Amino acid sequence: MIQVSATEFKNNVGKFIKLSKKEDILILKNGKAVAKLTAVSKNDKEIAYDRLLEMIKRSKPVSEEIDLEAMREERLKRYDNIT
């Protein structure tokens, strides 16, 4: 996802419309997201897939084997002190 300031977007609307066919554009004002430009041709499944792919790319690789029992124990420990 490309992030641009509102001013940059305003000054280059045509460029970002073309880019939105390939990638979503997040428009920021004062550093905060205010709008998102997405291609119309994408359906909900494609959008969800793109977001999932982006999250996977940002995530850190798992370097150790996942132990489901250890995960369960850790989750339960969080609630041990709640009364």
PDB file of N, CA and C in Angstrom:
ATOM      1  N   MET A   1       0.846  -1.169   0.000  1.00  0.00           N
ATOM      2  CA  MET A   1       0.000   0.000   0.000  1.00  0.00           C
ATOM      3  C   MET A   1       0.896   1.237   0.000  1.00  0.00           C
ATOM      4  N   ILE A   2       0.586   2.157  -0.890  1.00  0.00           N
ATOM      5  CA  ILE A   2       1.326   3.402  -0.999  1.00  0.00           C
ATOM      6  C   ILE A   2       0.671   4.439  -0.076  1.00  0.00           C
ATOM      7  N   GLN A   3       1.492   5.196   0.637  1.00  0.00           N
ATOM      8  CA  GLN A   3       0.988   6.262   1.499  1.00  0.00           C
ATOM      9  C   GLN A   3       1.465   7.600   0.941  1.00  0.00           C
ATOM     10  N   VAL A   4       0.528   8.534   0.784  1.00  0.00           N
ATOM     11  CA  VAL A   4       0.868   9.868   0.276  1.00  0.00           C
ATOM     12  C   VAL A   4       0.140  10.928   1.088  1.00  0.00           C
ATOM     13  N   SER A   5       0.724  12.114   1.117  1.00  0.00           N
ATOM     14  CA  SER A   5       0.059  13.217   1.807  1.00  0.00           C
ATOM     15  C   SER A   5      -1.091  13.717   0.939  1.00  0.00           C
ATOM     16  N   ALA A   6      -2.043  14.367   1.559  1.00  0.00           N
ATOM     17  CA  ALA A   6      -3.194  14.905   0.827  1.00  0.00           C
ATOM     18  C   ALA A   6      -2.739  15.914  -0.220  1.00  0.00           C
ATOM     19  N   THR A   7      -1.744  16.718   0.111  1.00  0.00           N
ATOM     20  CA  THR A   7      -1.224  17.714  -0.830  1.00  0.00           C
ATOM     21  C   THR A   7      -0.589  17.033  -2.038  1.00  0.00           C
ATOM     22  N   GLU A   8       0.226  16.028  -1.790  1.00  0.00           N
ATOM     23  CA  GLU A   8       0.863  15.296  -2.888  1.00  0.00           C
ATOM     24  C   GLU A   8      -0.189  14.624  -3.760  1.00  0.00           C
ATOM     25  N   PHE A   9      -1.209  14.068  -3.120  1.00  0.00           N
ATOM     26  CA  PHE A   9      -2.287  13.425  -3.877  1.00  0.00           C
ATOM     27  C   PHE A   9      -3.001  14.452  -4.752  1.00  0.00           C
ATOM     28  N   LYS A  10      -3.317  15.602  -4.161  1.00  0.00           N
ATOM     29  CA  LYS A  10      -4.023  16.652  -4.893  1.00  0.00           C
ATOM     30  C   LYS A  10      -3.223  17.114  -6.106  1.00  0.00           C
ATOM     31  N   ASN A  11      -1.924  17.226  -5.941  1.00  0.00           N
ATOM     32  CA  ASN A  11      -1.069  17.711  -7.026  1.00  0.00           C
ATOM     33  C   ASN A  11      -0.801  16.662  -8.105  1.00  0.00           C
ATOM     34  N   ASN A  12      -1.050  15.392  -7.805  1.00  0.00           N
ATOM     35  CA  ASN A  12      -0.743  14.309  -8.745  1.00  0.00           C
ATOM     36  C   ASN A  12      -1.891  13.301  -8.849  1.00  0.00           C
ATOM     37  N   VAL A  13      -3.117  13.788  -8.902  1.00  0.00           N
ATOM     38  CA  VAL A  13      -4.291  12.906  -8.897  1.00  0.00           C
ATOM     39  C   VAL A  13      -4.212  11.863 -10.001  1.00  0.00           C
ATOM     40  N   GLY A  14      -3.913  12.274 -11.211  1.00  0.00           N
ATOM     41  CA  GLY A  14      -3.860  11.349 -12.341  1.00  0.00           C
ATOM     42  C   GLY A  14      -2.881  10.217 -12.128  1.00  0.00           C
ATOM     43  N   LYS A  15      -1.715  10.560 -11.631  1.00  0.00           N
ATOM     44  CA  LYS A  15      -0.677   9.555 -11.358  1.00  0.00           C
ATOM     45  C   LYS A  15      -1.180   8.515 -10.362  1.00  0.00           C
ATOM     46  N   PHE A  16      -1.825   8.986  -9.284  1.00  0.00           N
ATOM     47  CA  PHE A  16      -2.275   8.065  -8.247  1.00  0.00           C
ATOM     48  C   PHE A  16      -3.492   7.255  -8.682  1.00  0.00           C
ATOM     49  N   ILE A  17      -4.310   7.794  -9.556  1.00  0.00           N
ATOM     50  CA  ILE A  17      -5.428   7.013 -10.092  1.00  0.00           C
ATOM     51  C   ILE A  17      -4.884   5.839 -10.894  1.00  0.00           C
ATOM     52  N   LYS A  18      -3.864   6.089 -11.697  1.00  0.00           N
ATOM     53  CA  LYS A  18      -3.244   5.006 -12.469  1.00  0.00           C
ATOM     54  C   LYS A  18      -2.602   3.974 -11.539  1.00  0.00           C
ATOM     55  N   LEU A  19      -1.898   4.451 -10.525  1.00  0.00           N
ATOM     56  CA  LEU A  19      -1.253   3.539  -9.578  1.00  0.00           C
ATOM     57  C   LEU A  19      -2.262   2.706  -8.795  1.00  0.00           C
ATOM     58  N   SER A  20      -3.448   3.266  -8.569  1.00  0.00           N
ATOM     59  CA  SER A  20      -4.450   2.555  -7.762  1.00  0.00           C
ATOM     60  C   SER A  20      -4.954   1.296  -8.451  1.00  0.00           C
ATOM     61  N   LYS A  21      -4.739   1.174  -9.745  1.00  0.00           N
ATOM     62  CA  LYS A  21      -5.127  -0.052 -10.451  1.00  0.00           C
ATOM     63  C   LYS A  21      -4.272  -1.229 -10.012  1.00  0.00           C
ATOM     64  N   LYS A  22      -3.054  -0.935  -9.567  1.00  0.00           N
ATOM     65  CA  LYS A  22      -2.124  -1.982  -9.152  1.00  0.00           C
ATOM     66  C   LYS A  22      -2.017  -2.110  -7.642  1.00  0.00           C
ATOM     67  N   GLU A  23      -2.192  -0.989  -6.936  1.00  0.00           N
ATOM     68  CA  GLU A  23      -1.974  -0.985  -5.495  1.00  0.00           C
ATOM     69  C   GLU A  23      -2.862   0.062  -4.829  1.00  0.00           C
ATOM     70  N   ASP A  24      -3.325  -0.226  -3.629  1.00  0.00           N
ATOM     71  CA  ASP A  24      -4.150   0.726  -2.885  1.00  0.00           C
ATOM     72  C   ASP A  24      -3.311   1.943  -2.489  1.00  0.00           C
ATOM     73  N   ILE A  25      -3.966   3.109  -2.446  1.00  0.00           N
ATOM     74  CA  ILE A  25      -3.314   4.359  -2.070  1.00  0.00           C
ATOM     75  C   ILE A  25      -3.955   4.855  -0.776  1.00  0.00           C
ATOM     76  N   LEU A  26      -3.146   5.051   0.246  1.00  0.00           N
ATOM     77  CA  LEU A  26      -3.622   5.578   1.520  1.00  0.00           C
ATOM     78  C   LEU A  26      -3.259   7.057   1.563  1.00  0.00           C
ATOM     79  N   ILE A  27      -4.263   7.922   1.746  1.00  0.00           N
ATOM     80  CA  ILE A  27      -4.051   9.362   1.735  1.00  0.00           C
ATOM     81  C   ILE A  27      -4.017   9.871   3.176  1.00  0.00           C
ATOM     82  N   LEU A  28      -2.932  10.588   3.509  1.00  0.00           N
ATOM     83  CA  LEU A  28      -2.711  11.070   4.867  1.00  0.00           C
ATOM     84  C   LEU A  28      -2.848  12.577   4.937  1.00  0.00           C
ATOM     85  N   LYS A  29      -3.432  13.055   6.023  1.00  0.00           N
ATOM     86  CA  LYS A  29      -3.499  14.490   6.291  1.00  0.00           C
ATOM     87  C   LYS A  29      -2.969  14.680   7.704  1.00  0.00           C
ATOM     88  N   ASN A  30      -1.937  15.488   7.825  1.00  0.00           N
ATOM     89  CA  ASN A  30      -1.255  15.685   9.108  1.00  0.00           C
ATOM     90  C   ASN A  30      -0.798  14.354   9.707  1.00  0.00           C
ATOM     91  N   GLY A  31      -0.360  13.446   8.843  1.00  0.00           N
ATOM     92  CA  GLY A  31       0.160  12.152   9.290  1.00  0.00           C
ATOM     93  C   GLY A  31      -0.894  11.118   9.637  1.00  0.00           C
ATOM     94  N   LYS A  32      -2.169  11.453   9.498  1.00  0.00           N
ATOM     95  CA  LYS A  32      -3.244  10.512   9.839  1.00  0.00           C
ATOM     96  C   LYS A  32      -3.993  10.107   8.572  1.00  0.00           C
ATOM     97  N   ALA A  33      -4.351   8.839   8.486  1.00  0.00           N
ATOM     98  CA  ALA A  33      -5.073   8.334   7.326  1.00  0.00           C
ATOM     99  C   ALA A  33      -6.470   8.952   7.269  1.00  0.00           C
ATOM    100  N   VAL A  34      -6.825   9.503   6.105  1.00  0.00           N
ATOM    101  CA  VAL A  34      -8.140  10.115   5.940  1.00  0.00           C
ATOM    102  C   VAL A  34      -8.933   9.474   4.799  1.00  0.00           C
ATOM    103  N   ALA A  35      -8.254   8.825   3.868  1.00  0.00           N
ATOM    104  CA  ALA A  35      -8.946   8.213   2.737  1.00  0.00           C
ATOM    105  C   ALA A  35      -8.090   7.103   2.144  1.00  0.00           C
ATOM    106  N   LYS A  36      -8.764   6.248   1.392  1.00  0.00           N
ATOM    107  CA  LYS A  36      -8.073   5.147   0.726  1.00  0.00           C
ATOM    108  C   LYS A  36      -8.620   5.033  -0.685  1.00  0.00           C
ATOM    109  N   LEU A  37      -7.734   5.000  -1.659  1.00  0.00           N
ATOM    110  CA  LEU A  37      -8.115   4.878  -3.058  1.00  0.00           C
ATOM    111  C   LEU A  37      -7.849   3.448  -3.497  1.00  0.00           C
ATOM    112  N   THR A  38      -8.907   2.766  -3.928  1.00  0.00           N
ATOM    113  CA  THR A  38      -8.823   1.369  -4.328  1.00  0.00           C
ATOM    114  C   THR A  38      -9.443   1.211  -5.705  1.00  0.00           C
ATOM    115  N   ALA A  39      -8.870   0.331  -6.501  1.00  0.00           N
ATOM    116  CA  ALA A  39      -9.427   0.063  -7.825  1.00  0.00           C
ATOM    117  C   ALA A  39     -10.825  -0.542  -7.700  1.00  0.00           C
ATOM    118  N   VAL A  40     -11.726  -0.127  -8.566  1.00  0.00           N
ATOM    119  CA  VAL A  40     -13.105  -0.605  -8.541  1.00  0.00           C
ATOM    120  C   VAL A  40     -13.179  -2.083  -8.906  1.00  0.00           C
ATOM    121  N   SER A  41     -12.302  -2.542  -9.748  1.00  0.00           N
ATOM    122  CA  SER A  41     -12.383  -3.903 -10.258  1.00  0.00           C
ATOM    123  C   SER A  41     -12.127  -4.980  -9.208  1.00  0.00           C
ATOM    124  N   LYS A  42     -11.556  -4.596  -8.070  1.00  0.00           N
ATOM    125  CA  LYS A  42     -11.286  -5.592  -7.033  1.00  0.00           C
ATOM    126  C   LYS A  42     -12.575  -5.975  -6.319  1.00  0.00           C
ATOM    127  N   ASN A  43     -12.774  -7.276  -6.133  1.00  0.00           N
ATOM    128  CA  ASN A  43     -13.917  -7.706  -5.339  1.00  0.00           C
ATOM    129  C   ASN A  43     -13.459  -7.929  -3.896  1.00  0.00           C
ATOM    130  N   ASP A  44     -14.387  -8.239  -3.029  1.00  0.00           N
ATOM    131  CA  ASP A  44     -14.073  -8.380  -1.603  1.00  0.00           C
ATOM    132  C   ASP A  44     -13.009  -9.439  -1.340  1.00  0.00           C
ATOM    133  N   LYS A  45     -13.050 -10.545  -2.088  1.00  0.00           N
ATOM    134  CA  LYS A  45     -12.067 -11.608  -1.884  1.00  0.00           C
ATOM    135  C   LYS A  45     -10.671 -11.145  -2.270  1.00  0.00           C
ATOM    136  N   GLU A  46     -10.563 -10.416  -3.359  1.00  0.00           N
ATOM    137  CA  GLU A  46      -9.263  -9.909  -3.786  1.00  0.00           C
ATOM    138  C   GLU A  46      -8.702  -8.922  -2.781  1.00  0.00           C
ATOM    139  N   ILE A  47      -9.550  -8.066  -2.260  1.00  0.00           N
ATOM    140  CA  ILE A  47      -9.117  -7.074  -1.266  1.00  0.00           C
ATOM    141  C   ILE A  47      -8.638  -7.784  -0.002  1.00  0.00           C
ATOM    142  N   ALA A  48      -9.410  -8.762   0.462  1.00  0.00           N
ATOM    143  CA  ALA A  48      -9.027  -9.510   1.658  1.00  0.00           C
ATOM    144  C   ALA A  48      -7.708 -10.244   1.428  1.00  0.00           C
ATOM    145  N   TYR A  49      -7.543 -10.819   0.251  1.00  0.00           N
ATOM    146  CA  TYR A  49      -6.311 -11.527  -0.085  1.00  0.00           C
ATOM    147  C   TYR A  49      -5.124 -10.567  -0.077  1.00  0.00           C
ATOM    148  N   ASP A  50      -5.285  -9.394  -0.678  1.00  0.00           N
ATOM    149  CA  ASP A  50      -4.213  -8.395  -0.718  1.00  0.00           C
ATOM    150  C   ASP A  50      -3.824  -7.948   0.685  1.00  0.00           C
ATOM    151  N   ARG A  51      -4.815  -7.724   1.535  1.00  0.00           N
ATOM    152  CA  ARG A  51      -4.528  -7.298   2.915  1.00  0.00           C
ATOM    153  C   ARG A  51      -3.803  -8.393   3.683  1.00  0.00           C
ATOM    154  N   LEU A  52      -4.244  -9.636   3.496  1.00  0.00           N
ATOM    155  CA  LEU A  52      -3.604 -10.757   4.168  1.00  0.00           C
ATOM    156  C   LEU A  52      -2.163 -10.902   3.699  1.00  0.00           C
ATOM    157  N   LEU A  53      -1.946 -10.783   2.409  1.00  0.00           N
ATOM    158  CA  LEU A  53      -0.604 -10.871   1.846  1.00  0.00           C
ATOM    159  C   LEU A  53       0.293  -9.776   2.418  1.00  0.00           C
ATOM    160  N   GLU A  54      -0.245  -8.573   2.555  1.00  0.00           N
ATOM    161  CA  GLU A  54       0.511  -7.453   3.112  1.00  0.00           C
ATOM    162  C   GLU A  54       0.878  -7.722   4.569  1.00  0.00           C
ATOM    163  N   MET A  55      -0.063  -8.279   5.343  1.00  0.00           N
ATOM    164  CA  MET A  55       0.223  -8.593   6.742  1.00  0.00           C
ATOM    165  C   MET A  55       1.299  -9.670   6.837  1.00  0.00           C
ATOM    166  N   ILE A  56       1.243 -10.663   5.958  1.00  0.00           N
ATOM    167  CA  ILE A  56       2.242 -11.731   5.974  1.00  0.00           C
ATOM    168  C   ILE A  56       3.621 -11.172   5.642  1.00  0.00           C
ATOM    169  N   LYS A  57       3.684 -10.278   4.668  1.00  0.00           N
ATOM    170  CA  LYS A  57       4.967  -9.680   4.291  1.00  0.00           C
ATOM    171  C   LYS A  57       5.572  -8.894   5.446  1.00  0.00           C
ATOM    172  N   ARG A  58       4.735  -8.225   6.238  1.00  0.00           N
ATOM    173  CA  ARG A  58       5.218  -7.420   7.361  1.00  0.00           C
ATOM    174  C   ARG A  58       5.592  -8.255   8.577  1.00  0.00           C
ATOM    175  N   SER A  59       5.037  -9.452   8.691  1.00  0.00           N
ATOM    176  CA  SER A  59       5.259 -10.263   9.893  1.00  0.00           C
ATOM    177  C   SER A  59       6.655 -10.856   9.900  1.00  0.00           C
ATOM    178  N   LYS A  60       7.111 -11.157  11.088  1.00  0.00           N
ATOM    179  CA  LYS A  60       8.420 -11.771  11.253  1.00  0.00           C
ATOM    180  C   LYS A  60       8.274 -13.279  11.078  1.00  0.00           C
ATOM    181  N   PRO A  61       9.259 -13.904  10.466  1.00  0.00           N
ATOM    182  CA  PRO A  61       9.170 -15.359  10.288  1.00  0.00           C
ATOM    183  C   PRO A  61       9.261 -16.087  11.623  1.00  0.00           C
ATOM    184  N   VAL A  62       8.564 -17.185  11.716  1.00  0.00           N
ATOM    185  CA  VAL A  62       8.591 -18.006  12.926  1.00  0.00           C
ATOM    186  C   VAL A  62       9.844 -18.860  12.866  1.00  0.00           C
ATOM    187  N   SER A  63      10.702 -18.704  13.851  1.00  0.00           N
ATOM    188  CA  SER A  63      11.977 -19.421  13.830  1.00  0.00           C
ATOM    189  C   SER A  63      11.936 -20.713  14.642  1.00  0.00           C
ATOM    190  N   GLU A  64      10.862 -20.927  15.345  1.00  0.00           N
ATOM    191  CA  GLU A  64      10.776 -22.130  16.158  1.00  0.00           C
ATOM    192  C   GLU A  64       9.451 -22.836  15.880  1.00  0.00           C
ATOM    193  N   GLU A  65       9.421 -24.075  16.201  1.00  0.00           N
ATOM    194  CA  GLU A  65       8.216 -24.868  15.977  1.00  0.00           C
ATOM    195  C   GLU A  65       7.115 -24.412  16.941  1.00  0.00           C
ATOM    196  N   ILE A  66       5.904 -24.329  16.448  1.00  0.00           N
ATOM    197  CA  ILE A  66       4.789 -23.876  17.268  1.00  0.00           C
ATOM    198  C   ILE A  66       4.265 -25.034  18.103  1.00  0.00           C
ATOM    199  N   ASP A  67       4.207 -24.821  19.405  1.00  0.00           N
ATOM    200  CA  ASP A  67       3.711 -25.821  20.339  1.00  0.00           C
ATOM    201  C   ASP A  67       2.334 -25.364  20.824  1.00  0.00           C
ATOM    202  N   LEU A  68       1.290 -26.029  20.340  1.00  0.00           N
ATOM    203  CA  LEU A  68      -0.073 -25.602  20.662  1.00  0.00           C
ATOM    204  C   LEU A  68      -0.365 -25.692  22.152  1.00  0.00           C
ATOM    205  N   GLU A  69       0.174 -26.690  22.807  1.00  0.00           N
ATOM    206  CA  GLU A  69      -0.062 -26.840  24.247  1.00  0.00           C
ATOM    207  C   GLU A  69       0.592 -25.693  25.017  1.00  0.00           C
ATOM    208  N   ALA A  70       1.793 -25.299  24.624  1.00  0.00           N
ATOM    209  CA  ALA A  70       2.479 -24.184  25.276  1.00  0.00           C
ATOM    210  C   ALA A  70       1.701 -22.888  25.044  1.00  0.00           C
ATOM    211  N   MET A  71       1.169 -22.705  23.854  1.00  0.00           N
ATOM    212  CA  MET A  71       0.373 -21.521  23.565  1.00  0.00           C
ATOM    213  C   MET A  71      -0.869 -21.494  24.451  1.00  0.00           C
ATOM    214  N   ARG A  72      -1.512 -22.638  24.622  1.00  0.00           N
ATOM    215  CA  ARG A  72      -2.704 -22.740  25.463  1.00  0.00           C
ATOM    216  C   ARG A  72      -2.371 -22.374  26.903  1.00  0.00           C
ATOM    217  N   GLU A  73      -1.269 -22.929  27.419  1.00  0.00           N
ATOM    218  CA  GLU A  73      -0.845 -22.650  28.794  1.00  0.00           C
ATOM    219  C   GLU A  73      -0.557 -21.161  28.987  1.00  0.00           C
ATOM    220  N   GLU A  74       0.120 -20.563  28.024  1.00  0.00           N
ATOM    221  CA  GLU A  74       0.440 -19.134  28.112  1.00  0.00           C
ATOM    222  C   GLU A  74      -0.834 -18.301  28.136  1.00  0.00           C
ATOM    223  N   ARG A  75      -1.783 -18.662  27.294  1.00  0.00           N
ATOM    224  CA  ARG A  75      -3.054 -17.935  27.245  1.00  0.00           C
ATOM    225  C   ARG A  75      -3.803 -18.065  28.572  1.00  0.00           C
ATOM    226  N   LEU A  76      -3.811 -19.249  29.158  1.00  0.00           N
ATOM    227  CA  LEU A  76      -4.506 -19.469  30.424  1.00  0.00           C
ATOM    228  C   LEU A  76      -3.838 -18.724  31.580  1.00  0.00           C
ATOM    229  N   LYS A  77      -2.511 -18.587  31.542  1.00  0.00           N
ATOM    230  CA  LYS A  77      -1.781 -17.884  32.598  1.00  0.00           C
ATOM    231  C   LYS A  77      -2.201 -16.421  32.671  1.00  0.00           C
ATOM    232  N   ARG A  78      -2.592 -15.861  31.570  1.00  0.00           N
ATOM    233  CA  ARG A  78      -3.018 -14.460  31.564  1.00  0.00           C
ATOM    234  C   ARG A  78      -4.232 -14.231  32.455  1.00  0.00           C
ATOM    235  N   TYR A  79      -5.024 -15.260  32.632  1.00  0.00           N
ATOM    236  CA  TYR A  79      -6.256 -15.117  33.385  1.00  0.00           C
ATOM    237  C   TYR A  79      -6.157 -15.650  34.796  1.00  0.00           C
ATOM    238  N   ASP A  80      -4.988 -16.145  35.188  1.00  0.00           N
ATOM    239  CA  ASP A  80      -4.804 -16.685  36.535  1.00  0.00           C
ATOM    240  C   ASP A  80      -4.989 -15.625  37.615  1.00  0.00           C
ATOM    241  N   ASN A  81      -4.574 -14.399  37.364  1.00  0.00           N
ATOM    242  CA  ASN A  81      -4.615 -13.343  38.383  1.00  0.00           C
ATOM    243  C   ASN A  81      -5.923 -12.574  38.396  1.00  0.00           C
ATOM    244  N   ILE A  82      -6.824 -12.897  37.505  1.00  0.00           N
ATOM    245  CA  ILE A  82      -8.113 -12.183  37.456  1.00  0.00           C
ATOM    246  C   ILE A  82      -9.062 -12.798  38.483  1.00  0.00           C
ATOM    247  N   THR A  83      -9.627 -11.942  39.339  1.00  0.00           N
ATOM    248  CA  THR A  83     -10.567 -12.452  40.349  1.00  0.00           C
ATOM    249  C   THR A  83     -11.902 -11.775  40.227  1.00  0.00           C
TER     250      THR A  83
END
